[in-house]
């Protein structure tokens, strides 16, 4: 059984109720605020319509940023775990497809 408490968050002016473990509420709220900000940046470019597409493009951008920061580890001689390598490959393919659609 979990002691998770429901927390209300707002992303792109839509409200969501999310289960949150005790002591993690501030981290969840900060994460929601960050995600909302990034999704607004994508939406405000005017190139992408629909909240689902905005969410996917935002997730891809954030994952790409995460993987780029992982490149620093590789440059320092630390290898990415296989799961991150697979994710990096998938993200690269999807970003390339998205670029081709924009042309």
N, C-alpha and C. Protein backbone atom coordinates (compact mmCIF):
# COMPACT_ATOMS: atom_id res chain seq x y z
N UNK A 1 0.84 -1.18 0.00
CA UNK A 1 0.00 0.00 0.00
C UNK A 1 0.89 1.24 0.00
N UNK A 2 0.46 2.28 -0.71
CA UNK A 2 1.24 3.50 -0.82
C UNK A 2 0.61 4.63 -0.03
N UNK A 3 1.46 5.53 0.44
CA UNK A 3 0.99 6.69 1.18
C UNK A 3 0.93 7.92 0.29
N UNK A 4 0.93 7.72 -1.03
CA UNK A 4 0.94 8.84 -1.96
C UNK A 4 -0.31 9.69 -1.76
N UNK A 5 -0.09 11.00 -1.85
CA UNK A 5 -1.17 11.97 -1.71
C UNK A 5 -1.43 12.63 -3.06
N UNK A 6 -2.69 12.91 -3.37
CA UNK A 6 -2.98 13.59 -4.63
C UNK A 6 -2.55 15.06 -4.56
N UNK A 7 -1.87 15.50 -5.60
CA UNK A 7 -1.41 16.88 -5.73
C UNK A 7 -1.96 17.43 -7.04
N UNK A 8 -2.46 18.63 -7.01
CA UNK A 8 -2.96 19.28 -8.22
C UNK A 8 -1.84 20.07 -8.87
N UNK A 9 -1.64 19.83 -10.17
CA UNK A 9 -0.67 20.59 -10.94
C UNK A 9 -1.38 21.16 -12.17
N UNK A 10 -0.80 22.19 -12.75
CA UNK A 10 -1.37 22.80 -13.94
C UNK A 10 -0.28 22.89 -15.00
N UNK A 11 -0.60 22.37 -16.18
CA UNK A 11 0.32 22.40 -17.32
C UNK A 11 -0.46 22.87 -18.54
N UNK A 12 0.01 23.94 -19.15
CA UNK A 12 -0.68 24.57 -20.28
C UNK A 12 -2.15 24.83 -19.96
N UNK A 13 -2.38 25.38 -18.79
CA UNK A 13 -3.71 25.76 -18.32
C UNK A 13 -4.67 24.59 -18.17
N UNK A 14 -4.16 23.39 -18.08
CA UNK A 14 -4.97 22.21 -17.79
C UNK A 14 -4.55 21.68 -16.43
N UNK A 15 -5.52 21.32 -15.63
CA UNK A 15 -5.24 20.82 -14.29
C UNK A 15 -5.20 19.30 -14.28
N UNK A 16 -4.25 18.78 -13.53
CA UNK A 16 -4.07 17.35 -13.38
C UNK A 16 -3.92 17.03 -11.90
N UNK A 17 -4.47 15.90 -11.49
CA UNK A 17 -4.28 15.40 -10.14
C UNK A 17 -3.30 14.24 -10.24
N UNK A 18 -2.17 14.35 -9.52
CA UNK A 18 -1.10 13.38 -9.61
C UNK A 18 -0.80 12.84 -8.22
N UNK A 19 -0.66 11.51 -8.11
CA UNK A 19 -0.28 10.90 -6.84
C UNK A 19 1.19 11.20 -6.57
N UNK A 20 1.47 11.61 -5.34
CA UNK A 20 2.82 12.02 -5.00
C UNK A 20 3.22 11.45 -3.64
N UNK A 21 4.38 10.80 -3.56
CA UNK A 21 4.84 10.26 -2.27
C UNK A 21 5.08 11.38 -1.26
N UNK A 22 4.90 11.08 0.01
CA UNK A 22 5.16 12.09 1.03
C UNK A 22 6.58 12.64 0.93
N UNK A 23 6.72 13.93 1.12
CA UNK A 23 8.02 14.56 1.07
C UNK A 23 8.50 14.94 -0.32
N UNK A 24 7.75 14.56 -1.35
CA UNK A 24 8.15 14.84 -2.74
C UNK A 24 7.29 15.92 -3.39
N UNK A 25 6.38 16.51 -2.62
CA UNK A 25 5.45 17.48 -3.19
C UNK A 25 6.15 18.67 -3.83
N UNK A 26 7.13 19.26 -3.14
CA UNK A 26 7.79 20.44 -3.69
C UNK A 26 8.56 20.08 -4.97
N UNK A 27 9.17 18.90 -5.01
CA UNK A 27 9.88 18.47 -6.22
C UNK A 27 8.90 18.28 -7.38
N UNK A 28 7.74 17.70 -7.10
CA UNK A 28 6.73 17.51 -8.14
C UNK A 28 6.24 18.85 -8.66
N UNK A 29 5.95 19.78 -7.76
CA UNK A 29 5.47 21.09 -8.17
C UNK A 29 6.52 21.83 -8.99
N UNK A 30 7.78 21.72 -8.60
CA UNK A 30 8.87 22.35 -9.35
C UNK A 30 9.01 21.71 -10.72
N UNK A 31 8.89 20.39 -10.79
CA UNK A 31 8.96 19.68 -12.08
C UNK A 31 7.81 20.11 -12.99
N UNK A 32 6.61 20.21 -12.43
CA UNK A 32 5.45 20.63 -13.22
C UNK A 32 5.63 22.05 -13.75
N UNK A 33 6.17 22.93 -12.92
CA UNK A 33 6.42 24.31 -13.33
C UNK A 33 7.45 24.36 -14.47
N UNK A 34 8.50 23.55 -14.35
CA UNK A 34 9.52 23.48 -15.39
C UNK A 34 8.93 22.95 -16.69
N UNK A 35 8.17 21.86 -16.61
CA UNK A 35 7.54 21.28 -17.79
C UNK A 35 6.58 22.27 -18.44
N UNK A 36 5.77 22.95 -17.64
CA UNK A 36 4.85 23.94 -18.16
C UNK A 36 5.61 25.02 -18.92
N UNK A 37 6.70 25.49 -18.36
CA UNK A 37 7.52 26.52 -19.00
C UNK A 37 8.07 26.03 -20.35
N UNK A 38 8.61 24.82 -20.37
CA UNK A 38 9.17 24.27 -21.61
C UNK A 38 8.09 24.05 -22.67
N UNK A 39 6.91 23.59 -22.25
CA UNK A 39 5.82 23.37 -23.20
C UNK A 39 5.32 24.70 -23.76
N UNK A 40 5.30 25.73 -22.94
CA UNK A 40 4.90 27.06 -23.42
C UNK A 40 5.91 27.58 -24.44
N UNK A 41 7.19 27.33 -24.22
CA UNK A 41 8.21 27.73 -25.18
C UNK A 41 7.95 27.08 -26.54
N UNK A 42 7.67 25.78 -26.53
CA UNK A 42 7.40 25.05 -27.78
C UNK A 42 6.13 25.59 -28.42
N UNK A 43 5.07 25.77 -27.63
CA UNK A 43 3.80 26.27 -28.16
C UNK A 43 3.97 27.66 -28.76
N UNK A 44 4.74 28.51 -28.10
CA UNK A 44 4.87 29.90 -28.52
C UNK A 44 5.70 30.07 -29.79
N UNK A 45 6.38 29.01 -30.23
CA UNK A 45 7.07 29.11 -31.52
C UNK A 45 6.06 29.22 -32.65
N UNK A 46 4.84 28.71 -32.41
CA UNK A 46 3.79 28.79 -33.41
C UNK A 46 3.87 27.71 -34.46
N UNK A 47 4.91 26.87 -34.42
CA UNK A 47 5.08 25.83 -35.43
C UNK A 47 4.35 24.54 -35.11
N UNK A 48 3.96 24.35 -33.85
CA UNK A 48 3.38 23.08 -33.43
C UNK A 48 2.03 23.33 -32.79
N UNK A 49 1.04 22.61 -33.27
CA UNK A 49 -0.32 22.77 -32.77
C UNK A 49 -0.75 21.50 -32.04
N UNK A 50 -1.57 21.66 -31.04
CA UNK A 50 -2.11 20.53 -30.30
C UNK A 50 -1.26 20.20 -29.09
N UNK A 51 -1.91 20.07 -27.95
CA UNK A 51 -1.17 19.84 -26.70
C UNK A 51 -0.42 18.52 -26.70
N UNK A 52 -0.95 17.50 -27.37
CA UNK A 52 -0.24 16.22 -27.41
C UNK A 52 1.07 16.34 -28.18
N UNK A 53 1.03 17.00 -29.34
CA UNK A 53 2.26 17.19 -30.12
C UNK A 53 3.25 18.08 -29.37
N UNK A 54 2.74 19.11 -28.70
CA UNK A 54 3.60 19.98 -27.90
C UNK A 54 4.29 19.17 -26.82
N UNK A 55 3.53 18.28 -26.16
CA UNK A 55 4.10 17.45 -25.10
C UNK A 55 5.18 16.51 -25.64
N UNK A 56 4.93 15.91 -26.80
CA UNK A 56 5.91 14.98 -27.37
C UNK A 56 7.18 15.73 -27.78
N UNK A 57 7.03 16.86 -28.45
CA UNK A 57 8.21 17.61 -28.88
C UNK A 57 8.99 18.11 -27.66
N UNK A 58 8.27 18.56 -26.64
CA UNK A 58 8.92 19.01 -25.41
C UNK A 58 9.68 17.86 -24.76
N UNK A 59 9.06 16.69 -24.69
CA UNK A 59 9.72 15.52 -24.10
C UNK A 59 10.97 15.16 -24.89
N UNK A 60 10.89 15.21 -26.20
CA UNK A 60 12.06 14.92 -27.04
C UNK A 60 13.16 15.94 -26.80
N UNK A 61 12.80 17.21 -26.72
CA UNK A 61 13.81 18.24 -26.47
C UNK A 61 14.48 18.03 -25.12
N UNK A 62 13.69 17.72 -24.10
CA UNK A 62 14.24 17.51 -22.76
C UNK A 62 15.12 16.26 -22.72
N UNK A 63 14.69 15.21 -23.40
CA UNK A 63 15.49 13.98 -23.44
C UNK A 63 16.79 14.23 -24.20
N UNK A 64 16.70 15.01 -25.27
CA UNK A 64 17.90 15.35 -26.03
C UNK A 64 18.88 16.14 -25.16
N UNK A 65 18.36 17.10 -24.40
CA UNK A 65 19.22 17.87 -23.49
C UNK A 65 19.88 16.96 -22.46
N UNK A 66 19.11 16.02 -21.94
CA UNK A 66 19.64 15.07 -20.96
C UNK A 66 20.76 14.23 -21.58
N UNK A 67 20.52 13.77 -22.78
CA UNK A 67 21.53 12.95 -23.45
C UNK A 67 22.77 13.76 -23.81
N UNK A 68 22.58 15.02 -24.17
CA UNK A 68 23.74 15.87 -24.44
C UNK A 68 24.58 16.03 -23.19
N UNK A 69 23.92 16.17 -22.05
CA UNK A 69 24.69 16.29 -20.80
C UNK A 69 25.38 14.97 -20.49
N UNK A 70 24.80 13.85 -20.94
CA UNK A 70 25.45 12.55 -20.76
C UNK A 70 26.69 12.43 -21.63
N UNK A 71 26.71 13.20 -22.74
CA UNK A 71 27.89 13.19 -23.61
C UNK A 71 29.12 13.67 -22.85
N UNK A 72 28.94 14.56 -21.90
CA UNK A 72 30.05 15.02 -21.08
C UNK A 72 30.66 13.83 -20.35
N UNK A 73 29.80 12.95 -19.81
CA UNK A 73 30.30 11.76 -19.14
C UNK A 73 31.12 10.90 -20.10
N UNK A 74 30.65 10.76 -21.33
CA UNK A 74 31.38 9.95 -22.30
C UNK A 74 32.71 10.59 -22.65
N UNK A 75 32.71 11.92 -22.77
CA UNK A 75 33.96 12.61 -23.07
C UNK A 75 34.97 12.43 -21.94
N UNK A 76 34.47 12.21 -20.74
CA UNK A 76 35.35 11.98 -19.60
C UNK A 76 35.69 10.50 -19.45
N UNK A 77 35.26 9.69 -20.41
CA UNK A 77 35.61 8.28 -20.40
C UNK A 77 34.58 7.38 -19.72
N UNK A 78 33.46 7.96 -19.31
CA UNK A 78 32.40 7.13 -18.69
C UNK A 78 31.40 6.75 -19.77
N UNK A 79 31.08 5.49 -19.85
CA UNK A 79 30.20 4.96 -20.89
C UNK A 79 28.74 5.06 -20.44
N UNK A 80 27.85 5.33 -21.41
CA UNK A 80 26.42 5.34 -21.12
C UNK A 80 25.92 3.92 -20.88
N UNK A 81 24.97 3.77 -19.96
CA UNK A 81 24.36 2.46 -19.78
C UNK A 81 23.60 2.08 -21.06
N UNK A 82 23.45 0.77 -21.33
CA UNK A 82 22.77 0.33 -22.56
C UNK A 82 21.38 0.93 -22.74
N UNK A 83 20.64 1.10 -21.67
CA UNK A 83 19.29 1.64 -21.79
C UNK A 83 19.33 3.09 -22.28
N UNK A 84 20.28 3.89 -21.80
CA UNK A 84 20.41 5.26 -22.28
C UNK A 84 20.91 5.31 -23.72
N UNK A 85 21.77 4.37 -24.09
CA UNK A 85 22.23 4.30 -25.49
C UNK A 85 21.05 4.05 -26.42
N UNK A 86 20.18 3.14 -26.03
CA UNK A 86 19.00 2.82 -26.83
C UNK A 86 18.08 4.04 -26.92
N UNK A 87 17.88 4.72 -25.81
CA UNK A 87 17.05 5.92 -25.80
C UNK A 87 17.64 7.00 -26.69
N UNK A 88 18.94 7.18 -26.63
CA UNK A 88 19.61 8.18 -27.46
C UNK A 88 19.38 7.88 -28.94
N UNK A 89 19.49 6.62 -29.31
CA UNK A 89 19.29 6.22 -30.69
C UNK A 89 17.86 6.51 -31.14
N UNK A 90 16.90 6.17 -30.31
CA UNK A 90 15.49 6.41 -30.65
C UNK A 90 15.20 7.90 -30.79
N UNK A 91 15.72 8.69 -29.87
CA UNK A 91 15.49 10.14 -29.92
C UNK A 91 16.11 10.72 -31.18
N UNK A 92 17.29 10.30 -31.51
CA UNK A 92 17.96 10.80 -32.72
C UNK A 92 17.12 10.50 -33.96
N UNK A 93 16.56 9.29 -34.04
CA UNK A 93 15.73 8.92 -35.19
C UNK A 93 14.48 9.79 -35.26
N UNK A 94 13.82 9.99 -34.14
CA UNK A 94 12.59 10.78 -34.13
C UNK A 94 12.87 12.24 -34.45
N UNK A 95 13.95 12.80 -33.90
CA UNK A 95 14.30 14.18 -34.21
C UNK A 95 14.62 14.35 -35.69
N UNK A 96 15.30 13.38 -36.27
CA UNK A 96 15.59 13.44 -37.70
C UNK A 96 14.31 13.39 -38.52
N UNK A 97 13.36 12.53 -38.13
CA UNK A 97 12.08 12.48 -38.83
C UNK A 97 11.33 13.79 -38.69
N UNK A 98 11.36 14.39 -37.51
CA UNK A 98 10.67 15.66 -37.28
C UNK A 98 11.29 16.76 -38.14
N UNK A 99 12.61 16.77 -38.27
CA UNK A 99 13.27 17.76 -39.10
C UNK A 99 12.85 17.60 -40.57
N UNK A 100 12.72 16.36 -41.02
CA UNK A 100 12.32 16.10 -42.40
C UNK A 100 10.89 16.57 -42.64
N UNK A 101 10.02 16.46 -41.64
CA UNK A 101 8.64 16.91 -41.78
C UNK A 101 8.55 18.42 -41.86
N UNK A 102 9.47 19.13 -41.22
CA UNK A 102 9.45 20.59 -41.22
C UNK A 102 9.91 21.16 -42.55
N UNK A 103 10.65 20.37 -43.33
CA UNK A 103 11.18 20.85 -44.61
C UNK A 103 10.16 20.84 -45.66
